Amino acid sequence: MGSYMAPARASLFMAKFEMDFLNTCDKKPTLPFLDDIFLLWDNSLNDLQLFVDSINTYHPNIHFTHTISKQTVSFLDVLIKMMI
């Protein structure tokens, strides 16, 4: 299965990854993220796509799958709907 320390190491790696990546960005998400990510974005849709493209090229072995929606998104088996 792996070392009992593997989850802690993975969390530390991703925390550093997040911090290093966000330090390179002009436009950032409203909430910080780590591991399973639910991201709130206050900028344009184009800026969000640039952010996603940038984070997916920041490290050669780390890639994020994503769903972008203004109405609903499924996150950790929960359907989240935007209420306006």
C-alpha atoms as a PDB file:
ATOM      1  CA  MET A   1       0.000   0.000   0.000  1.00  0.00           C
ATOM      2  CA  GLY A   2       2.809   2.407   0.742  1.00  0.00           C
ATOM      3  CA  SER A   3       4.206   4.221   3.707  1.00  0.00           C
ATOM      4  CA  TYR A   4       1.948   5.477   6.480  1.00  0.00           C
ATOM      5  CA  MET A   5       3.633   8.832   5.833  1.00  0.00           C
ATOM      6  CA  ALA A   6       2.594   8.905   2.158  1.00  0.00           C
ATOM      7  CA  PRO A   7      -0.592  10.981   2.703  1.00  0.00           C
ATOM      8  CA  ALA A   8       1.314  13.548   4.765  1.00  0.00           C
ATOM      9  CA  ARG A   9       4.076  13.778   2.146  1.00  0.00           C
ATOM     10  CA  ALA A  10       1.518  14.158  -0.628  1.00  0.00           C
ATOM     11  CA  SER A  11      -0.243  16.943   1.297  1.00  0.00           C
ATOM     12  CA  LEU A  12       3.035  18.758   1.902  1.00  0.00           C
ATOM     13  CA  PHE A  13       4.012  18.413  -1.762  1.00  0.00           C
ATOM     14  CA  MET A  14       0.652  19.755  -2.969  1.00  0.00           C
ATOM     15  CA  ALA A  15       0.694  22.613  -0.440  1.00  0.00           C
ATOM     16  CA  LYS A  16       4.090  23.700  -1.771  1.00  0.00           C
ATOM     17  CA  PHE A  17       2.907  23.209  -5.349  1.00  0.00           C
ATOM     18  CA  GLU A  18      -0.116  25.433  -4.645  1.00  0.00           C
ATOM     19  CA  MET A  19       1.923  28.129  -2.917  1.00  0.00           C
ATOM     20  CA  ASP A  20       4.605  28.195  -5.626  1.00  0.00           C
ATOM     21  CA  PHE A  21       2.061  28.231  -8.458  1.00  0.00           C
ATOM     22  CA  LEU A  22      -0.158  30.925  -6.951  1.00  0.00           C
ATOM     23  CA  ASN A  23       2.896  33.140  -6.452  1.00  0.00           C
ATOM     24  CA  THR A  24       3.269  33.183 -10.261  1.00  0.00           C
ATOM     25  CA  CYS A  25      -0.349  34.265 -10.903  1.00  0.00           C
ATOM     26  CA  ASP A  26      -1.771  37.741 -11.283  1.00  0.00           C
ATOM     27  CA  LYS A  27      -5.365  36.494 -10.984  1.00  0.00           C
ATOM     28  CA  LYS A  28      -6.138  33.926  -8.312  1.00  0.00           C
ATOM     29  CA  PRO A  29      -9.158  32.005  -7.052  1.00  0.00           C
ATOM     30  CA  THR A  30     -11.289  33.482  -4.280  1.00  0.00           C
ATOM     31  CA  LEU A  31     -10.598  30.490  -2.031  1.00  0.00           C
ATOM     32  CA  PRO A  32      -7.312  28.643  -1.691  1.00  0.00           C
ATOM     33  CA  PHE A  33      -7.286  25.040  -2.837  1.00  0.00           C
ATOM     34  CA  LEU A  34      -5.591  21.747  -1.998  1.00  0.00           C
ATOM     35  CA  ASP A  35      -6.230  18.160  -3.052  1.00  0.00           C
ATOM     36  CA  ASP A  36      -9.904  17.916  -4.126  1.00  0.00           C
ATOM     37  CA  ILE A  37     -10.536  21.389  -5.420  1.00  0.00           C
ATOM     38  CA  PHE A  38     -13.725  23.419  -5.459  1.00  0.00           C
ATOM     39  CA  LEU A  39     -12.725  26.780  -6.803  1.00  0.00           C
ATOM     40  CA  LEU A  40     -14.604  30.079  -6.822  1.00  0.00           C
ATOM     41  CA  TRP A  41     -13.486  32.456  -9.537  1.00  0.00           C
ATOM     42  CA  ASP A  42     -14.261  36.192  -9.621  1.00  0.00           C
ATOM     43  CA  ASN A  43     -12.566  37.000 -12.923  1.00  0.00           C
ATOM     44  CA  SER A  44     -13.498  36.340 -16.551  1.00  0.00           C
ATOM     45  CA  LEU A  45     -14.093  32.919 -18.053  1.00  0.00           C
ATOM     46  CA  ASN A  46     -11.108  33.508 -20.334  1.00  0.00           C
ATOM     47  CA  ASP A  47      -8.914  34.233 -17.290  1.00  0.00           C
ATOM     48  CA  LEU A  48     -10.140  31.021 -15.676  1.00  0.00           C
ATOM     49  CA  GLN A  49      -9.221  28.991 -18.751  1.00  0.00           C
ATOM     50  CA  LEU A  50      -5.766  30.597 -18.757  1.00  0.00           C
ATOM     51  CA  PHE A  51      -5.425  29.723 -15.044  1.00  0.00           C
ATOM     52  CA  VAL A  52      -6.382  26.085 -15.670  1.00  0.00           C
ATOM     53  CA  ASP A  53      -4.034  25.837 -18.651  1.00  0.00           C
ATOM     54  CA  SER A  54      -1.212  27.357 -16.588  1.00  0.00           C
ATOM     55  CA  ILE A  55      -1.647  25.073 -13.600  1.00  0.00           C
ATOM     56  CA  ASN A  56      -1.742  22.034 -15.873  1.00  0.00           C
ATOM     57  CA  THR A  57       1.601  22.958 -17.414  1.00  0.00           C
ATOM     58  CA  TYR A  58       3.291  24.101 -14.185  1.00  0.00           C
ATOM     59  CA  HIS A  59       4.571  20.619 -13.264  1.00  0.00           C
ATOM     60  CA  PRO A  60       5.174  17.833 -15.795  1.00  0.00           C
ATOM     61  CA  ASN A  61       3.501  15.143 -13.632  1.00  0.00           C
ATOM     62  CA  ILE A  62       0.628  17.064 -12.014  1.00  0.00           C
ATOM     63  CA  HIS A  63      -2.529  17.587 -14.071  1.00  0.00           C
ATOM     64  CA  PHE A  64      -6.007  18.584 -12.926  1.00  0.00           C
ATOM     65  CA  THR A  65      -9.256  17.474 -14.476  1.00  0.00           C
ATOM     66  CA  HIS A  66     -11.869  20.179 -14.320  1.00  0.00           C
ATOM     67  CA  THR A  67     -15.441  21.180 -14.986  1.00  0.00           C
ATOM     68  CA  ILE A  68     -16.342  24.799 -15.518  1.00  0.00           C
ATOM     69  CA  SER A  69     -19.965  25.826 -15.107  1.00  0.00           C
ATOM     70  CA  LYS A  70     -21.937  28.922 -14.241  1.00  0.00           C
ATOM     71  CA  GLN A  71     -24.940  26.835 -13.145  1.00  0.00           C
ATOM     72  CA  THR A  72     -24.153  23.391 -11.668  1.00  0.00           C
ATOM     73  CA  VAL A  73     -21.149  21.251 -10.901  1.00  0.00           C
ATOM     74  CA  SER A  74     -20.730  17.832  -9.359  1.00  0.00           C
ATOM     75  CA  PHE A  75     -18.122  17.825  -6.591  1.00  0.00           C
ATOM     76  CA  LEU A  76     -17.357  14.788  -4.421  1.00  0.00           C
ATOM     77  CA  ASP A  77     -20.714  13.180  -5.306  1.00  0.00           C
ATOM     78  CA  VAL A  78     -22.658  16.357  -4.464  1.00  0.00           C
ATOM     79  CA  LEU A  79     -24.475  18.395  -7.111  1.00  0.00           C
ATOM     80  CA  ILE A  80     -23.880  22.082  -6.402  1.00  0.00           C
ATOM     81  CA  LYS A  81     -26.256  24.581  -8.007  1.00  0.00           C
ATOM     82  CA  MET A  82     -25.741  28.301  -8.360  1.00  0.00           C
ATOM     83  CA  MET A  83     -28.630  30.242  -6.856  1.00  0.00           C
ATOM     84  CA  ILE A  84     -29.174  33.774  -8.135  1.00  0.00           C
END
